[in-house]
Amino acid sequence: MDHPYPWLQDLIDQVPDLVQPLIVAGAAAVPYVEGEGAAVLGILAGIDPVVAGLAAAAGNILCVVAVVLLGSRIRGGVGARRAARAGRTRETSSPAGPLGGSTVAPSAATALAEAPAVTAVDASAADPASGRSHRSKGHARLRRWMVRFGVPGASLLAPIALPTMLTAAFFVASGVRKEWVILWQVVAIVLWTGLVVVAATGLVAALGW
């Protein structure tokens, strides 16, 4: 059977061999393409399946690590600002008592300091105007998996519902340690990309492309 995308092979042949894996890695950094899609594109373009798979997984992993580190830093900054704001509220709401001591701060300030951070994911899911989009459904499904299977199980199942970058951001916003998120996202990316590479390689060989 003739190759359905000869122009793709012709295009990649014009690129130096050392640059070809970089193109695959760059494609893997695009949400909803990721390691699996980039690996398939590389294989269809005629790149060695092992090279395509490694490049795709590396590009996806680097992007996810960047998302986790940035998200963790943002969440830490938001938490610090909320704690500082709650402290100022407690101080201004605690006038001196008749004996020079201070009265107990209102419980509202304590509740504000101790309340869990409301993430953008939760806000968009609770907003009736946002509707039941594909992304919000994916978040809801991922939340159920996280409760039922924990971070490891949810990470391995997550590509069915959401791209790994959105999954990583969801875990960080939920308060999961960044090291734990990175570990299981790497495992999921390697596993899913490897399975897709094997399937795509077998299909290309069977069809004679």
Protein backbone atom coordinates (compact mmCIF):
# COMPACT_ATOMS: atom_id res chain seq x y z
CA MET A 1 0.00 0.00 0.00
CA ASP A 2 1.29 3.45 -0.90
CA HIS A 3 2.26 5.79 1.91
CA PRO A 4 -0.66 8.22 2.57
CA TYR A 5 1.64 11.11 3.50
CA PRO A 6 4.55 11.16 1.03
CA TRP A 7 4.84 14.92 1.42
CA LEU A 8 5.62 14.42 5.11
CA GLN A 9 8.52 12.12 4.32
CA ASP A 10 9.78 14.49 1.64
CA LEU A 11 9.59 17.37 4.11
CA ILE A 12 11.50 15.57 6.85
CA ASP A 13 14.14 14.38 4.38
CA GLN A 14 15.07 18.01 3.76
CA VAL A 15 15.91 18.45 7.44
CA PRO A 16 19.34 17.37 8.81
CA ASP A 17 19.27 14.10 10.73
CA LEU A 18 20.30 15.76 14.00
CA VAL A 19 17.43 18.26 13.77
CA GLN A 20 14.71 15.71 13.08
CA PRO A 21 14.42 14.51 16.72
CA LEU A 22 14.23 18.14 17.85
CA ILE A 23 11.22 18.68 15.60
CA VAL A 24 9.53 15.64 17.14
CA ALA A 25 10.36 16.89 20.65
CA GLY A 26 8.92 20.30 19.80
CA ALA A 27 5.71 18.72 18.55
CA ALA A 28 5.47 16.73 21.81
CA ALA A 29 5.39 20.00 23.75
CA VAL A 30 2.07 20.94 22.12
CA PRO A 31 -1.00 20.08 24.24
CA TYR A 32 -3.22 17.36 22.75
CA VAL A 33 -0.31 16.27 20.50
CA GLU A 34 2.16 15.34 23.21
CA GLY A 35 4.44 12.32 23.21
CA GLU A 36 2.00 9.91 21.61
CA GLY A 37 1.02 12.13 18.70
CA ALA A 38 4.54 13.38 18.10
CA ALA A 39 5.90 9.83 18.03
CA VAL A 40 3.31 8.81 15.43
CA LEU A 41 4.16 11.83 13.30
CA GLY A 42 7.84 10.98 13.51
CA ILE A 43 7.25 7.37 12.51
CA LEU A 44 5.02 8.37 9.60
CA ALA A 45 7.72 10.81 8.50
CA GLY A 46 10.22 7.96 8.27
CA ILE A 47 12.20 8.61 11.45
CA ASP A 48 13.47 5.54 13.27
CA PRO A 49 10.74 4.49 15.74
CA VAL A 50 13.15 4.33 18.68
CA VAL A 51 14.51 7.80 17.94
CA ALA A 52 11.01 9.18 17.40
CA GLY A 53 9.75 7.64 20.65
CA LEU A 54 12.67 8.88 22.75
CA ALA A 55 12.49 12.39 21.29
CA ALA A 56 8.73 12.57 21.76
CA ALA A 57 8.88 11.38 25.36
CA ALA A 58 11.74 13.78 26.15
CA GLY A 59 9.89 16.77 24.71
CA ASN A 60 6.72 15.90 26.58
CA ILE A 61 8.59 15.34 29.85
CA LEU A 62 10.49 18.63 29.64
CA CYS A 63 7.27 20.54 29.06
CA VAL A 64 5.49 18.81 31.95
CA VAL A 65 8.41 19.49 34.31
CA ALA A 66 8.27 23.17 33.37
CA VAL A 67 4.51 23.25 34.02
CA VAL A 68 4.93 21.56 37.42
CA LEU A 69 7.74 23.86 38.58
CA LEU A 70 5.94 27.00 37.42
CA GLY A 71 2.62 25.89 38.88
CA SER A 72 4.23 24.98 42.20
CA ARG A 73 5.90 28.37 42.40
CA ILE A 74 2.67 30.21 41.63
CA ARG A 75 0.73 28.17 44.18
CA GLY A 76 3.37 28.85 46.84
CA GLY A 77 3.25 32.57 46.13
CA VAL A 78 -0.55 32.65 46.32
CA GLY A 79 -0.49 30.74 49.60
CA ALA A 80 2.08 33.11 51.10
CA ARG A 81 0.07 36.18 50.11
CA ARG A 82 -3.11 34.70 51.58
CA ALA A 83 -1.34 33.88 54.83
CA ALA A 84 0.08 37.40 55.05
CA ARG A 85 -3.34 38.92 54.30
CA ALA A 86 -4.96 36.73 56.96
CA GLY A 87 -2.29 37.80 59.46
CA ARG A 88 -2.94 41.49 58.79
CA THR A 89 -6.68 40.92 59.11
CA ARG A 90 -6.17 39.18 62.45
CA GLU A 91 -4.04 42.03 63.76
CA THR A 92 -6.45 44.80 62.74
CA SER A 93 -9.44 42.85 64.07
CA SER A 94 -7.95 42.26 67.55
CA PRO A 95 -8.35 45.48 69.64
CA ALA A 96 -6.78 45.66 73.07
CA GLY A 97 -8.95 44.41 75.92
CA PRO A 98 -9.71 46.29 79.11
CA LEU A 99 -6.55 44.97 80.81
CA GLY A 100 -4.28 45.75 77.91
CA GLY A 101 -4.48 42.27 76.44
CA SER A 102 -5.91 41.50 73.05
CA THR A 103 -9.17 39.81 72.39
CA VAL A 104 -9.44 36.65 70.31
CA ALA A 105 -9.32 37.32 66.57
CA PRO A 106 -12.58 36.70 64.71
CA SER A 107 -12.99 33.16 63.49
CA ALA A 108 -13.48 34.43 59.92
CA ALA A 109 -9.81 35.39 59.68
CA THR A 110 -8.73 32.00 60.94
CA ALA A 111 -11.02 30.27 58.50
CA LEU A 112 -9.60 32.35 55.67
CA ALA A 113 -6.06 31.39 56.60
CA GLU A 114 -6.86 27.73 56.93
CA ALA A 115 -9.20 27.38 53.98
CA PRO A 116 -7.78 25.40 51.05
CA ALA A 117 -6.83 27.37 47.98
CA VAL A 118 -9.55 27.50 45.35
CA THR A 119 -7.98 26.45 42.12
CA ALA A 120 -8.87 27.64 38.64
CA VAL A 121 -9.95 24.10 37.87
CA ASP A 122 -12.47 24.09 40.72
CA ALA A 123 -13.71 27.56 39.85
CA SER A 124 -14.32 26.74 36.22
CA ALA A 125 -16.04 23.49 37.12
CA ALA A 126 -18.34 25.30 39.57
CA ASP A 127 -19.16 28.12 37.18
CA PRO A 128 -22.54 27.35 35.56
CA ALA A 129 -21.67 29.57 32.60
CA SER A 130 -18.66 27.44 31.68
CA GLY A 131 -20.87 24.49 30.63
CA ARG A 132 -19.83 20.86 30.45
CA SER A 133 -16.93 21.28 28.09
CA HIS A 134 -14.55 18.49 27.23
CA ARG A 135 -11.94 19.96 29.53
CA SER A 136 -14.26 20.28 32.53
CA LYS A 137 -15.42 16.71 32.02
CA GLY A 138 -11.80 15.62 31.94
CA HIS A 139 -11.11 17.46 35.18
CA ALA A 140 -14.10 15.83 36.86
CA ARG A 141 -13.00 12.39 35.69
CA LEU A 142 -9.43 13.01 36.82
CA ARG A 143 -10.66 14.15 40.24
CA ARG A 144 -12.63 10.90 40.66
CA TRP A 145 -9.61 8.82 39.64
CA MET A 146 -7.39 10.71 42.05
CA VAL A 147 -9.76 9.99 44.94
CA ARG A 148 -10.14 6.34 43.98
CA PHE A 149 -6.64 5.37 42.78
CA GLY A 150 -4.39 8.09 44.16
CA VAL A 151 -1.83 10.05 42.16
CA PRO A 152 -0.13 6.96 40.61
CA GLY A 153 -3.33 5.46 39.24
CA ALA A 154 -4.75 8.80 38.16
CA SER A 155 -1.50 9.65 36.36
CA LEU A 156 -1.53 6.41 34.38
CA LEU A 157 -5.19 6.83 33.41
CA ALA A 158 -5.06 10.59 32.86
CA PRO A 159 -4.08 10.59 29.14
CA ILE A 160 -7.51 9.11 28.44
CA ALA A 161 -9.14 12.26 29.85
CA LEU A 162 -6.65 15.14 29.59
CA PRO A 163 -3.24 16.06 28.16
CA THR A 164 -0.37 15.47 30.56
CA MET A 165 0.31 19.20 30.87
CA LEU A 166 -3.20 19.90 32.12
CA THR A 167 -3.01 16.83 34.35
CA ALA A 168 0.23 18.04 35.91
CA ALA A 169 -1.25 21.51 36.51
CA PHE A 170 -4.31 19.91 38.11
CA PHE A 171 -2.20 17.84 40.52
CA VAL A 172 -0.06 20.82 41.53
CA ALA A 173 -3.14 22.99 42.10
CA SER A 174 -4.59 20.19 44.24
CA GLY A 175 -1.58 20.38 46.56
CA VAL A 176 0.30 17.26 45.45
CA ARG A 177 4.07 17.50 45.98
CA LYS A 178 5.83 18.53 42.80
CA GLU A 179 8.34 15.65 43.04
CA TRP A 180 5.50 13.14 43.21
CA VAL A 181 3.73 14.75 40.27
CA ILE A 182 6.89 14.75 38.12
CA LEU A 183 7.69 11.12 38.97
CA TRP A 184 4.32 9.73 37.96
CA GLN A 185 3.90 11.97 34.96
CA VAL A 186 7.25 10.73 33.64
CA VAL A 187 6.13 7.13 34.19
CA ALA A 188 2.84 7.80 32.38
CA ILE A 189 4.51 9.57 29.45
CA VAL A 190 7.10 6.83 28.95
CA LEU A 191 4.46 4.09 29.20
CA TRP A 192 1.91 5.65 26.85
CA THR A 193 4.48 6.85 24.33
CA GLY A 194 6.11 3.41 24.30
CA LEU A 195 2.79 1.65 23.72
CA VAL A 196 1.89 4.03 20.88
CA VAL A 197 5.32 3.59 19.27
CA VAL A 198 4.94 -0.19 19.30
CA ALA A 199 1.42 0.00 17.87
CA ALA A 200 2.34 2.55 15.20
CA THR A 201 5.45 0.64 14.17
CA GLY A 202 3.48 -2.58 13.79
CA LEU A 203 0.75 -0.86 11.80
CA VAL A 204 3.22 0.83 9.44
CA ALA A 205 5.01 -2.48 8.88
CA ALA A 206 1.75 -4.34 8.29
CA LEU A 207 0.55 -1.77 5.75
CA GLY A 208 3.90 -1.61 4.02
CA TRP A 209 4.38 2.11 4.50
